[in-house]
N, C-alpha and C. Protein backbone atom coordinates (compact mmCIF):
# COMPACT_ATOMS: atom_id res chain seq x y z
N MET A 1 0.75 -1.15 0.01
CA MET A 1 0.06 0.11 -0.01
C MET A 1 0.96 1.24 0.02
N GLY A 2 1.99 1.16 -0.62
CA GLY A 2 2.97 2.31 -0.71
C GLY A 2 2.44 3.45 -1.30
N TYR A 3 1.64 3.25 -2.52
CA TYR A 3 0.97 4.33 -3.37
C TYR A 3 -0.06 5.21 -2.60
N LEU A 4 -0.69 4.48 -1.76
CA LEU A 4 -1.91 5.02 -1.10
C LEU A 4 -1.57 6.50 -0.29
N SER A 5 -2.29 7.60 -0.78
CA SER A 5 -2.08 8.77 -0.05
C SER A 5 -2.36 8.79 1.20
N ARG A 6 -1.40 9.39 2.03
CA ARG A 6 -1.57 9.37 3.64
C ARG A 6 -3.19 9.79 4.07
N HIS A 7 -3.69 10.46 3.09
CA HIS A 7 -4.79 11.06 3.49
C HIS A 7 -6.17 10.03 3.74
N TYR A 8 -5.74 8.86 2.95
CA TYR A 8 -6.61 7.68 2.82
C TYR A 8 -6.30 6.40 3.46
N GLN A 9 -5.07 6.47 4.14
CA GLN A 9 -4.57 5.18 4.88
C GLN A 9 -5.52 4.74 6.00
N PRO A 10 -5.96 3.55 6.26
CA PRO A 10 -6.84 3.43 7.29
C PRO A 10 -6.72 4.28 8.45
N ASP A 11 -5.59 4.13 8.99
CA ASP A 11 -5.38 4.81 10.40
C ASP A 11 -6.02 6.36 10.43
N THR A 12 -5.54 6.83 9.44
CA THR A 12 -5.90 8.24 9.18
C THR A 12 -7.51 8.41 8.91
N VAL A 13 -7.91 7.53 8.24
CA VAL A 13 -9.21 7.65 8.26
C VAL A 13 -10.14 7.40 9.19
N LYS A 14 -9.70 6.39 10.19
CA LYS A 14 -10.46 6.09 11.27
C LYS A 14 -10.30 7.11 12.29
N ALA A 15 -9.21 7.68 12.34
CA ALA A 15 -8.85 9.01 13.39
C ALA A 15 -10.01 10.32 12.80
N MET A 16 -10.01 10.21 11.51
CA MET A 16 -11.17 11.52 11.08
C MET A 16 -12.60 11.00 11.21
N ILE A 17 -12.77 9.62 11.39
CA ILE A 17 -14.17 9.37 11.75
C ILE A 17 -14.25 9.61 13.19
N ASP A 18 -13.39 8.87 14.00
CA ASP A 18 -13.30 9.50 15.31
C ASP A 18 -13.54 10.68 15.63
N GLN A 19 -12.93 11.62 15.01
CA GLN A 19 -13.00 13.03 15.43
C GLN A 19 -14.49 13.61 15.14
N ILE A 20 -14.88 13.11 14.04
CA ILE A 20 -16.53 13.49 13.80
C ILE A 20 -17.44 13.13 14.91
N TYR A 21 -17.14 11.99 15.52
CA TYR A 21 -18.01 11.44 16.32
C TYR A 21 -17.62 12.14 17.84
N THR A 22 -16.60 12.94 17.97
CA THR A 22 -16.39 13.84 19.03
C THR A 22 -17.21 14.93 19.00
N VAL A 23 -18.03 15.38 17.94
CA VAL A 23 -18.66 16.56 17.58
C VAL A 23 -20.12 16.20 17.68
N THR A 24 -20.46 14.72 17.20
CA THR A 24 -21.72 14.44 17.02
C THR A 24 -21.93 12.94 17.31
N ASP A 25 -23.11 12.57 17.60
CA ASP A 25 -23.23 11.22 18.00
C ASP A 25 -24.07 10.28 16.80
N HIS A 26 -24.19 11.09 15.84
CA HIS A 26 -24.80 10.49 14.47
C HIS A 26 -24.29 10.84 13.15
N LEU A 27 -24.13 9.99 12.45
CA LEU A 27 -23.59 10.20 11.09
C LEU A 27 -24.52 9.77 10.21
N ASP A 28 -25.06 10.70 9.36
CA ASP A 28 -26.16 10.77 8.21
C ASP A 28 -25.66 10.30 6.91
N VAL A 29 -24.93 10.90 6.24
CA VAL A 29 -24.48 10.93 4.78
C VAL A 29 -23.03 10.74 4.85
N VAL A 30 -22.50 9.98 4.22
CA VAL A 30 -20.72 9.86 3.66
C VAL A 30 -20.71 10.03 2.17
N VAL A 31 -20.03 10.89 1.81
CA VAL A 31 -19.88 11.19 0.38
C VAL A 31 -18.53 10.94 -0.07
N ASN A 32 -18.14 9.94 -0.76
CA ASN A 32 -16.91 9.58 -1.19
C ASN A 32 -16.45 10.46 -2.41
N ASN A 33 -15.74 11.24 -2.56
CA ASN A 33 -15.62 12.22 -3.70
C ASN A 33 -14.11 12.41 -4.05
N ALA A 34 -13.20 11.78 -3.24
CA ALA A 34 -12.05 11.82 -3.84
C ALA A 34 -11.40 11.36 -5.01
N GLY A 35 -10.93 11.78 -6.02
CA GLY A 35 -10.13 11.30 -7.03
C GLY A 35 -9.36 12.15 -7.72
N ILE A 36 -8.43 11.41 -8.55
CA ILE A 36 -7.31 11.69 -9.37
C ILE A 36 -7.40 11.18 -10.52
N VAL A 37 -6.69 11.62 -11.52
CA VAL A 37 -6.43 11.15 -12.82
C VAL A 37 -4.98 11.14 -13.22
N ASN A 38 -4.64 10.16 -13.88
CA ASN A 38 -3.08 10.26 -14.49
C ASN A 38 -3.09 9.48 -15.92
N ASP A 39 -3.56 10.10 -16.75
CA ASP A 39 -3.81 9.82 -18.09
C ASP A 39 -2.75 9.46 -18.87
N LYS A 40 -2.54 8.46 -19.42
CA LYS A 40 -1.50 7.78 -20.28
C LYS A 40 -2.15 6.65 -21.08
N LEU A 41 -1.69 6.22 -22.18
CA LEU A 41 -2.03 5.03 -22.89
C LEU A 41 -1.40 4.05 -22.15
N LEU A 42 -2.03 2.71 -22.12
CA LEU A 42 -1.85 1.72 -21.42
C LEU A 42 -0.34 1.13 -21.52
N ASN A 43 0.12 1.17 -23.06
CA ASN A 43 1.48 0.69 -23.35
C ASN A 43 2.67 1.89 -22.53
N ARG A 44 2.15 2.90 -22.24
CA ARG A 44 3.17 3.67 -21.70
C ARG A 44 2.86 3.97 -19.95
N MET A 45 1.78 3.37 -19.50
CA MET A 45 1.37 3.32 -18.12
C MET A 45 2.32 2.59 -17.21
N SER A 46 2.75 3.02 -16.21
CA SER A 46 3.61 2.28 -15.36
C SER A 46 2.79 1.65 -14.23
N THR A 47 3.18 0.44 -13.87
CA THR A 47 2.37 -0.12 -12.45
C THR A 47 2.09 0.82 -11.47
N ASP A 48 3.25 1.96 -11.26
CA ASP A 48 3.13 2.91 -10.22
C ASP A 48 1.74 3.89 -10.57
N ASP A 49 1.81 4.31 -12.13
CA ASP A 49 0.78 4.98 -12.47
C ASP A 49 -0.35 4.66 -12.45
N PHE A 50 -0.69 3.08 -12.54
CA PHE A 50 -1.83 2.28 -12.41
C PHE A 50 -2.36 2.55 -10.77
N ALA A 51 -1.35 2.10 -10.06
CA ALA A 51 -1.61 1.69 -8.51
C ALA A 51 -1.81 2.98 -7.84
N THR A 52 -1.33 4.28 -8.32
CA THR A 52 -1.64 5.43 -7.83
C THR A 52 -3.15 6.03 -7.80
N VAL A 53 -3.44 5.68 -8.98
CA VAL A 53 -5.30 6.07 -9.31
C VAL A 53 -6.22 5.22 -8.55
N ILE A 54 -5.63 3.81 -8.82
CA ILE A 54 -6.45 2.90 -7.90
C ILE A 54 -6.42 2.97 -6.68
N ASP A 55 -5.26 3.12 -6.01
CA ASP A 55 -5.54 3.51 -4.58
C ASP A 55 -6.07 4.82 -3.91
N THR A 56 -5.86 5.88 -4.53
CA THR A 56 -6.67 6.91 -4.11
C THR A 56 -8.12 6.88 -4.46
N ASN A 57 -8.46 6.43 -5.57
CA ASN A 57 -9.78 6.29 -6.11
C ASN A 57 -10.63 5.38 -5.45
N LEU A 58 -10.19 4.02 -5.60
CA LEU A 58 -11.00 2.70 -4.90
C LEU A 58 -10.53 2.71 -3.74
N THR A 59 -9.31 2.24 -3.26
CA THR A 59 -8.80 1.95 -2.16
C THR A 59 -9.13 2.92 -0.98
N GLY A 60 -9.13 4.34 -1.17
CA GLY A 60 -9.38 5.33 -0.49
C GLY A 60 -11.03 5.15 -0.04
N THR A 61 -11.69 5.08 -1.14
CA THR A 61 -13.30 4.85 -0.99
C THR A 61 -13.60 3.55 0.07
N PHE A 62 -12.88 2.71 -0.41
CA PHE A 62 -13.14 1.33 0.79
C PHE A 62 -12.75 1.78 1.96
N ASN A 63 -11.75 2.48 2.19
CA ASN A 63 -11.30 2.88 3.64
C ASN A 63 -12.18 3.72 4.38
N VAL A 64 -12.72 4.63 3.72
CA VAL A 64 -13.69 5.36 4.40
C VAL A 64 -14.91 4.47 4.65
N ILE A 65 -15.61 3.92 3.69
CA ILE A 65 -16.58 2.80 4.02
C ILE A 65 -16.39 2.14 5.15
N LYS A 66 -15.31 1.65 5.06
CA LYS A 66 -15.04 0.38 6.31
C LYS A 66 -14.76 1.04 7.69
N ALA A 67 -14.23 2.40 7.67
CA ALA A 67 -14.15 3.06 8.91
C ALA A 67 -15.53 3.52 9.52
N CYS A 68 -16.45 3.67 8.50
CA CYS A 68 -18.02 4.24 8.80
C CYS A 68 -18.63 3.35 9.28
N LEU A 69 -18.58 1.85 8.68
CA LEU A 69 -19.43 0.96 8.99
C LEU A 69 -19.83 0.60 10.41
N ARG A 70 -19.00 0.35 11.36
CA ARG A 70 -19.19 -0.08 12.53
C ARG A 70 -20.27 1.12 13.02
N PRO A 71 -19.83 2.24 13.16
CA PRO A 71 -20.64 3.16 13.93
C PRO A 71 -21.93 3.33 13.09
N LEU A 72 -22.27 3.18 12.01
CA LEU A 72 -23.41 3.35 11.32
C LEU A 72 -24.26 2.03 11.38
N TYR A 73 -23.49 0.89 11.73
CA TYR A 73 -24.24 -0.54 11.98
C TYR A 73 -24.93 -0.24 13.43
N LYS A 74 -24.11 0.52 14.30
CA LYS A 74 -24.72 0.70 15.70
C LYS A 74 -26.02 1.59 15.66
N GLN A 75 -25.95 2.67 14.59
CA GLN A 75 -27.24 3.50 14.77
C GLN A 75 -28.13 2.98 13.78
N ARG A 76 -27.77 2.06 12.87
CA ARG A 76 -28.71 1.27 12.23
C ARG A 76 -29.46 2.33 10.98
N SER A 77 -28.62 3.17 10.78
CA SER A 77 -28.92 3.94 9.53
C SER A 77 -27.62 4.65 8.93
N GLY A 78 -27.85 5.28 7.85
CA GLY A 78 -26.82 6.04 7.11
C GLY A 78 -26.79 5.70 5.66
N VAL A 79 -26.25 6.75 4.89
CA VAL A 79 -26.23 6.58 3.37
C VAL A 79 -24.64 6.92 3.05
N PHE A 80 -24.30 6.08 2.14
CA PHE A 80 -22.90 6.27 1.50
C PHE A 80 -23.25 6.75 -0.02
N ILE A 81 -22.68 7.65 -0.56
CA ILE A 81 -22.75 8.15 -1.90
C ILE A 81 -21.21 8.06 -2.28
N ASN A 82 -21.06 7.32 -3.46
CA ASN A 82 -19.55 7.24 -4.05
C ASN A 82 -19.78 7.97 -5.23
N LEU A 83 -18.63 8.63 -5.46
CA LEU A 83 -18.59 9.17 -6.92
C LEU A 83 -17.75 8.12 -7.86
N ALA A 84 -18.47 7.90 -8.98
CA ALA A 84 -17.91 7.13 -9.75
C ALA A 84 -17.57 7.97 -10.96
N SER A 85 -17.68 7.49 -12.12
CA SER A 85 -17.82 8.23 -13.43
C SER A 85 -18.30 7.32 -14.61
N VAL A 86 -18.70 8.23 -15.63
CA VAL A 86 -19.39 7.55 -16.82
C VAL A 86 -17.93 6.80 -17.60
N ILE A 87 -16.96 7.06 -17.15
CA ILE A 87 -15.64 6.39 -17.52
C ILE A 87 -15.59 5.00 -17.13
N GLY A 88 -15.96 4.87 -15.94
CA GLY A 88 -16.14 3.28 -15.22
C GLY A 88 -16.99 2.62 -15.94
N LEU A 89 -18.17 2.98 -16.66
CA LEU A 89 -19.10 2.43 -17.49
C LEU A 89 -18.53 2.08 -18.86
N THR A 90 -17.85 2.94 -19.46
CA THR A 90 -17.46 2.82 -20.82
C THR A 90 -16.08 2.63 -21.03
N GLY A 91 -15.15 3.00 -20.00
CA GLY A 91 -13.73 3.08 -20.54
C GLY A 91 -13.47 4.15 -21.38
N ASN A 92 -12.07 4.36 -21.51
CA ASN A 92 -11.85 5.59 -22.38
C ASN A 92 -10.16 5.27 -22.74
N ILE A 93 -10.03 5.81 -23.88
CA ILE A 93 -8.51 5.81 -24.26
C ILE A 93 -7.50 6.66 -23.48
N GLY A 94 -6.49 6.02 -23.04
CA GLY A 94 -5.78 6.68 -22.28
C GLY A 94 -6.11 6.93 -20.77
N GLN A 95 -7.02 5.92 -20.20
CA GLN A 95 -7.65 6.25 -18.86
C GLN A 95 -8.01 4.76 -18.37
N ALA A 96 -7.13 3.67 -18.63
CA ALA A 96 -7.49 2.50 -17.92
C ALA A 96 -7.39 2.41 -16.53
N ASN A 97 -6.40 3.28 -15.88
CA ASN A 97 -6.29 3.29 -14.34
C ASN A 97 -7.54 3.83 -13.91
N TYR A 98 -7.90 5.11 -14.28
CA TYR A 98 -9.07 5.75 -14.04
C TYR A 98 -10.49 5.07 -14.09
N ALA A 99 -10.78 4.36 -15.33
CA ALA A 99 -11.60 3.52 -15.64
C ALA A 99 -11.73 2.41 -14.85
N ALA A 100 -10.97 1.69 -14.37
CA ALA A 100 -10.87 0.61 -13.60
C ALA A 100 -11.06 0.99 -12.45
N SER A 101 -10.55 2.32 -11.56
CA SER A 101 -10.99 2.74 -10.31
C SER A 101 -12.58 2.97 -10.27
N LYS A 102 -12.93 3.49 -11.21
CA LYS A 102 -14.45 4.13 -11.00
C LYS A 102 -15.28 3.06 -11.47
N ALA A 103 -14.91 1.88 -12.20
CA ALA A 103 -15.65 0.62 -12.31
C ALA A 103 -15.66 -0.29 -10.89
N GLY A 104 -14.63 -0.26 -10.24
CA GLY A 104 -14.46 -0.76 -8.96
C GLY A 104 -15.25 -0.06 -8.11
N ILE A 105 -15.35 1.08 -8.06
CA ILE A 105 -16.29 2.07 -7.15
C ILE A 105 -17.92 1.43 -7.27
N ILE A 106 -18.38 1.15 -8.45
CA ILE A 106 -19.50 0.76 -8.77
C ILE A 106 -19.56 -0.46 -8.11
N GLY A 107 -18.90 -1.41 -8.38
CA GLY A 107 -18.73 -2.78 -8.08
C GLY A 107 -18.92 -2.88 -6.41
N LEU A 108 -18.07 -1.87 -5.83
CA LEU A 108 -17.95 -1.78 -4.51
C LEU A 108 -19.41 -1.38 -3.72
N THR A 109 -19.77 -0.19 -4.55
CA THR A 109 -21.16 0.32 -4.00
C THR A 109 -22.35 -1.00 -4.02
N LYS A 110 -22.22 -1.61 -5.16
CA LYS A 110 -23.31 -2.71 -5.12
C LYS A 110 -23.14 -3.55 -3.88
N SER A 111 -21.94 -4.12 -3.73
CA SER A 111 -21.55 -4.92 -2.58
C SER A 111 -21.82 -4.41 -1.14
N VAL A 112 -21.36 -3.27 -0.93
CA VAL A 112 -21.75 -2.50 0.30
C VAL A 112 -23.33 -2.41 0.44
N ALA A 113 -23.94 -2.13 -0.79
CA ALA A 113 -25.57 -2.23 -0.41
C ALA A 113 -26.07 -3.19 -0.07
N LYS A 114 -25.74 -4.54 -0.63
CA LYS A 114 -26.17 -5.69 -0.05
C LYS A 114 -25.86 -6.05 1.28
N GLU A 115 -24.40 -5.78 1.53
CA GLU A 115 -24.11 -6.26 3.02
C GLU A 115 -24.83 -5.38 3.85
N ALA A 116 -25.07 -4.12 3.51
CA ALA A 116 -25.41 -3.16 4.67
C ALA A 116 -26.83 -2.83 4.99
N ALA A 117 -27.55 -3.28 3.95
CA ALA A 117 -28.93 -3.02 3.95
C ALA A 117 -29.71 -3.77 4.98
N MET A 118 -29.31 -4.86 5.68
CA MET A 118 -30.07 -5.57 6.73
C MET A 118 -29.70 -4.87 8.10
N ARG A 119 -28.86 -3.61 7.95
CA ARG A 119 -28.80 -2.67 9.23
C ARG A 119 -29.30 -1.30 8.79
N GLY A 120 -30.14 -1.24 7.63
CA GLY A 120 -30.60 -0.12 7.38
C GLY A 120 -29.93 0.93 6.68
N ILE A 121 -28.79 0.52 6.10
CA ILE A 121 -27.66 1.44 5.61
C ILE A 121 -27.89 1.33 3.98
N ARG A 122 -27.69 2.25 3.41
CA ARG A 122 -27.73 2.30 1.88
C ARG A 122 -26.61 2.93 1.31
N CYS A 123 -26.23 2.61 0.11
CA CYS A 123 -25.09 2.95 -0.62
C CYS A 123 -25.51 3.03 -2.08
N ASN A 124 -25.14 4.11 -2.71
CA ASN A 124 -25.39 4.37 -4.17
C ASN A 124 -24.18 5.08 -4.87
N ALA A 125 -24.28 5.08 -5.72
CA ALA A 125 -22.91 5.81 -6.72
C ALA A 125 -23.55 6.68 -7.77
N ILE A 126 -22.85 7.75 -7.93
CA ILE A 126 -23.19 8.66 -9.11
C ILE A 126 -22.10 8.80 -9.96
N ALA A 127 -22.51 8.45 -11.24
CA ALA A 127 -21.58 8.48 -12.25
C ALA A 127 -21.72 9.75 -13.41
N PRO A 128 -20.98 10.82 -12.93
CA PRO A 128 -20.75 11.92 -13.84
C PRO A 128 -20.18 11.89 -15.17
N GLY A 129 -20.60 12.47 -16.15
CA GLY A 129 -20.24 12.59 -17.20
C GLY A 129 -19.23 13.71 -17.18
N MET A 130 -19.21 14.70 -18.18
CA MET A 130 -18.44 16.01 -18.47
C MET A 130 -19.21 16.96 -17.65
N ILE A 131 -18.43 17.47 -16.44
CA ILE A 131 -19.14 18.47 -15.57
C ILE A 131 -18.23 19.71 -15.63
N ASP A 132 -18.75 20.74 -15.72
CA ASP A 132 -17.81 21.87 -15.81
C ASP A 132 -17.23 22.31 -14.79
N THR A 133 -15.90 21.82 -14.66
CA THR A 133 -15.18 21.65 -13.48
C THR A 133 -13.57 22.44 -13.79
N ALA A 134 -12.84 22.50 -12.73
CA ALA A 134 -11.50 23.11 -13.10
C ALA A 134 -10.74 21.97 -13.94
N MET A 135 -10.92 20.81 -13.69
CA MET A 135 -10.38 19.78 -14.57
C MET A 135 -10.92 19.81 -16.06
N THR A 136 -12.06 19.80 -16.38
CA THR A 136 -12.69 19.97 -17.69
C THR A 136 -12.07 21.33 -18.30
N ALA A 137 -12.05 22.23 -17.50
CA ALA A 137 -11.53 23.56 -17.93
C ALA A 137 -10.11 23.60 -18.75
N GLN A 138 -9.38 22.56 -18.34
CA GLN A 138 -8.16 22.24 -18.93
C GLN A 138 -7.93 21.86 -20.31
N LEU A 139 -9.21 21.06 -20.57
CA LEU A 139 -9.09 20.60 -21.88
C LEU A 139 -9.31 21.73 -23.02
N GLY A 140 -8.72 21.30 -24.27
CA GLY A 140 -8.50 22.31 -25.24
C GLY A 140 -9.85 22.29 -26.06
N ASP A 141 -10.01 23.48 -26.84
CA ASP A 141 -11.04 23.57 -27.16
C ASP A 141 -11.81 22.46 -28.44
N LYS A 142 -10.68 21.90 -29.03
CA LYS A 142 -11.09 20.99 -30.01
C LYS A 142 -11.43 19.72 -29.34
N VAL A 143 -11.10 19.24 -28.09
CA VAL A 143 -11.41 18.17 -27.29
C VAL A 143 -12.66 18.50 -26.81
N LYS A 144 -13.04 19.75 -26.46
CA LYS A 144 -14.17 19.96 -25.66
C LYS A 144 -15.20 19.86 -26.84
N ASP A 145 -15.03 20.17 -27.98
CA ASP A 145 -15.87 20.34 -29.02
C ASP A 145 -16.25 18.97 -29.41
N GLY A 146 -15.06 17.97 -29.34
CA GLY A 146 -15.49 16.56 -29.86
C GLY A 146 -16.40 15.87 -28.90
N ILE A 147 -16.24 16.37 -27.43
CA ILE A 147 -16.85 15.72 -26.36
C ILE A 147 -18.63 16.12 -26.60
N LEU A 148 -18.55 17.50 -26.93
CA LEU A 148 -19.89 18.11 -26.88
C LEU A 148 -20.65 17.41 -27.98
N ALA A 149 -20.07 17.00 -29.18
CA ALA A 149 -20.62 16.51 -30.22
C ALA A 149 -21.46 15.15 -30.04
N GLN A 150 -20.60 14.46 -28.81
CA GLN A 150 -21.20 13.19 -28.57
C GLN A 150 -22.45 13.10 -27.35
N ILE A 151 -22.50 14.44 -27.03
CA ILE A 151 -23.90 14.56 -25.60
C ILE A 151 -25.08 15.17 -26.35
N PRO A 152 -25.98 14.24 -26.15
CA PRO A 152 -27.09 14.70 -26.60
C PRO A 152 -27.81 16.03 -26.19
N LEU A 153 -27.37 16.52 -25.00
CA LEU A 153 -27.78 17.67 -24.59
C LEU A 153 -27.01 18.84 -24.84
N LYS A 154 -25.78 18.35 -25.62
CA LYS A 154 -24.93 19.52 -26.13
C LYS A 154 -24.59 20.54 -25.16
N ARG A 155 -24.09 20.27 -23.97
CA ARG A 155 -23.70 21.07 -23.06
C ARG A 155 -22.92 20.06 -22.08
N PHE A 156 -22.02 20.71 -21.23
CA PHE A 156 -21.43 20.06 -19.96
C PHE A 156 -22.46 20.21 -18.97
N GLY A 157 -22.46 19.39 -17.95
CA GLY A 157 -22.96 19.40 -16.71
C GLY A 157 -22.52 20.45 -15.78
N GLN A 158 -23.37 20.81 -14.81
CA GLN A 158 -23.01 21.90 -13.86
C GLN A 158 -22.86 20.97 -12.34
N VAL A 159 -21.87 21.46 -11.64
CA VAL A 159 -21.71 20.85 -10.34
C VAL A 159 -22.99 20.80 -9.49
N GLU A 160 -23.84 21.68 -9.56
CA GLU A 160 -25.12 21.78 -9.04
C GLU A 160 -26.09 20.42 -9.45
N GLU A 161 -25.92 20.25 -10.51
CA GLU A 161 -26.73 18.85 -11.17
C GLU A 161 -26.10 17.74 -10.32
N VAL A 162 -25.07 17.56 -10.15
CA VAL A 162 -24.27 16.48 -9.46
C VAL A 162 -24.74 16.53 -7.86
N ALA A 163 -24.94 17.69 -7.56
CA ALA A 163 -25.20 17.72 -6.06
C ALA A 163 -26.42 17.55 -5.87
N HIS A 164 -27.47 17.72 -6.56
CA HIS A 164 -29.15 17.55 -6.81
C HIS A 164 -29.33 15.99 -6.60
N ALA A 165 -28.43 15.45 -7.42
CA ALA A 165 -28.52 13.97 -7.49
C ALA A 165 -27.87 13.24 -6.00
N ALA A 166 -26.99 13.70 -5.56
CA ALA A 166 -26.59 13.21 -4.31
C ALA A 166 -27.78 13.72 -3.39
N LEU A 167 -28.39 14.81 -3.57
CA LEU A 167 -29.40 14.99 -2.37
C LEU A 167 -30.56 13.94 -2.38
N PHE A 168 -30.81 13.74 -3.78
CA PHE A 168 -31.97 12.86 -4.03
C PHE A 168 -31.60 11.41 -3.43
N LEU A 169 -30.40 11.21 -3.86
CA LEU A 169 -29.95 9.65 -2.98
C LEU A 169 -29.78 9.60 -1.62
N ALA A 170 -29.47 10.84 -1.02
CA ALA A 170 -29.37 10.89 0.42
C ALA A 170 -30.74 10.97 1.10
N GLU A 171 -31.88 11.17 0.40
CA GLU A 171 -33.19 11.56 0.98
C GLU A 171 -34.12 10.40 0.53
N ASN A 172 -33.89 9.67 -0.32
CA ASN A 172 -34.67 8.75 -0.89
C ASN A 172 -34.43 7.35 -0.14
N ASP A 173 -35.46 6.99 0.79
CA ASP A 173 -34.96 5.77 1.52
C ASP A 173 -34.97 4.47 0.95
N TYR A 174 -35.63 4.59 -0.35
CA TYR A 174 -35.70 3.32 -1.06
C TYR A 174 -35.14 2.84 -2.15
N VAL A 175 -33.95 3.70 -2.30
CA VAL A 175 -32.90 3.50 -3.26
C VAL A 175 -31.54 2.99 -2.64
N THR A 176 -31.25 1.81 -3.28
CA THR A 176 -29.96 1.48 -2.92
C THR A 176 -29.18 0.50 -4.02
N GLY A 177 -27.82 0.47 -3.85
CA GLY A 177 -27.39 -0.30 -4.93
C GLY A 177 -27.13 0.36 -6.33
N GLN A 178 -27.70 1.52 -6.71
CA GLN A 178 -27.99 2.09 -7.85
C GLN A 178 -26.75 2.95 -8.28
N THR A 179 -26.33 3.23 -9.56
CA THR A 179 -25.48 4.02 -10.06
C THR A 179 -26.22 5.10 -11.15
N VAL A 180 -26.45 6.29 -10.47
CA VAL A 180 -26.90 7.33 -11.47
C VAL A 180 -26.11 8.10 -12.20
N THR A 181 -26.38 7.94 -13.50
CA THR A 181 -25.68 8.66 -14.48
C THR A 181 -26.21 10.35 -14.62
N ILE A 182 -25.09 11.20 -14.56
CA ILE A 182 -25.64 12.48 -14.82
C ILE A 182 -24.52 13.06 -15.85
N ASP A 183 -25.04 12.52 -17.13
CA ASP A 183 -24.11 12.94 -18.26
C ASP A 183 -24.90 13.42 -19.32
N GLY A 184 -26.00 14.05 -19.36
CA GLY A 184 -26.39 14.76 -20.47
C GLY A 184 -26.98 13.84 -21.70
N GLY A 185 -27.19 12.42 -21.55
CA GLY A 185 -27.29 11.37 -22.26
C GLY A 185 -26.20 10.79 -22.80
N LEU A 186 -25.00 11.31 -22.30
CA LEU A 186 -23.82 10.33 -23.13
C LEU A 186 -23.84 9.13 -23.36
N THR A 187 -24.17 8.35 -22.13
CA THR A 187 -23.95 6.85 -21.95
C THR A 187 -25.46 6.25 -22.31
N MET A 188 -26.35 6.82 -22.56
CA MET A 188 -27.75 6.23 -22.71
C MET A 188 -27.50 5.03 -23.92
N GLN A 189 -28.48 4.04 -23.82
CA GLN A 189 -28.31 3.05 -24.74
C GLN A 189 -29.68 2.95 -25.49
């Protein structure tokens, strides 16, 4: 686990959760939103390039969920919302590490949903497409135009639209194990 950021190491995450419980006795919603990219074609991607993205995106999510489960089991309620990506559903050139990490988050979400349901805990994922953020702002105009041509709604999504989906998942007590795409129709079949 040499690649995992110190912020997502099990001991660090447990200390963070313990600190939260010094302020409150109840945790309602946990949003796993950490994520990095390190895009390279697979034949140029090192094992370290692959592991760094997997460890931050997927193992970090796992560590947060694991640290929260015992207290959520005791209170018999709670919601996990894990940020995946449409790339975890479709794959993408130069993003094998990112796609694997986000697909892993989707699988992890479904497994946690099944395991934790008996204790009243729900777990869902959101798979955003192209959202207007600092990360997408770095794309060149030619790349943006190419992506926009593939999106039926012909625009990038807004951060608020992803937040609305998270709020829906947090409040709807009968939704678990689902992956909600917020992508302007990019991945519809």
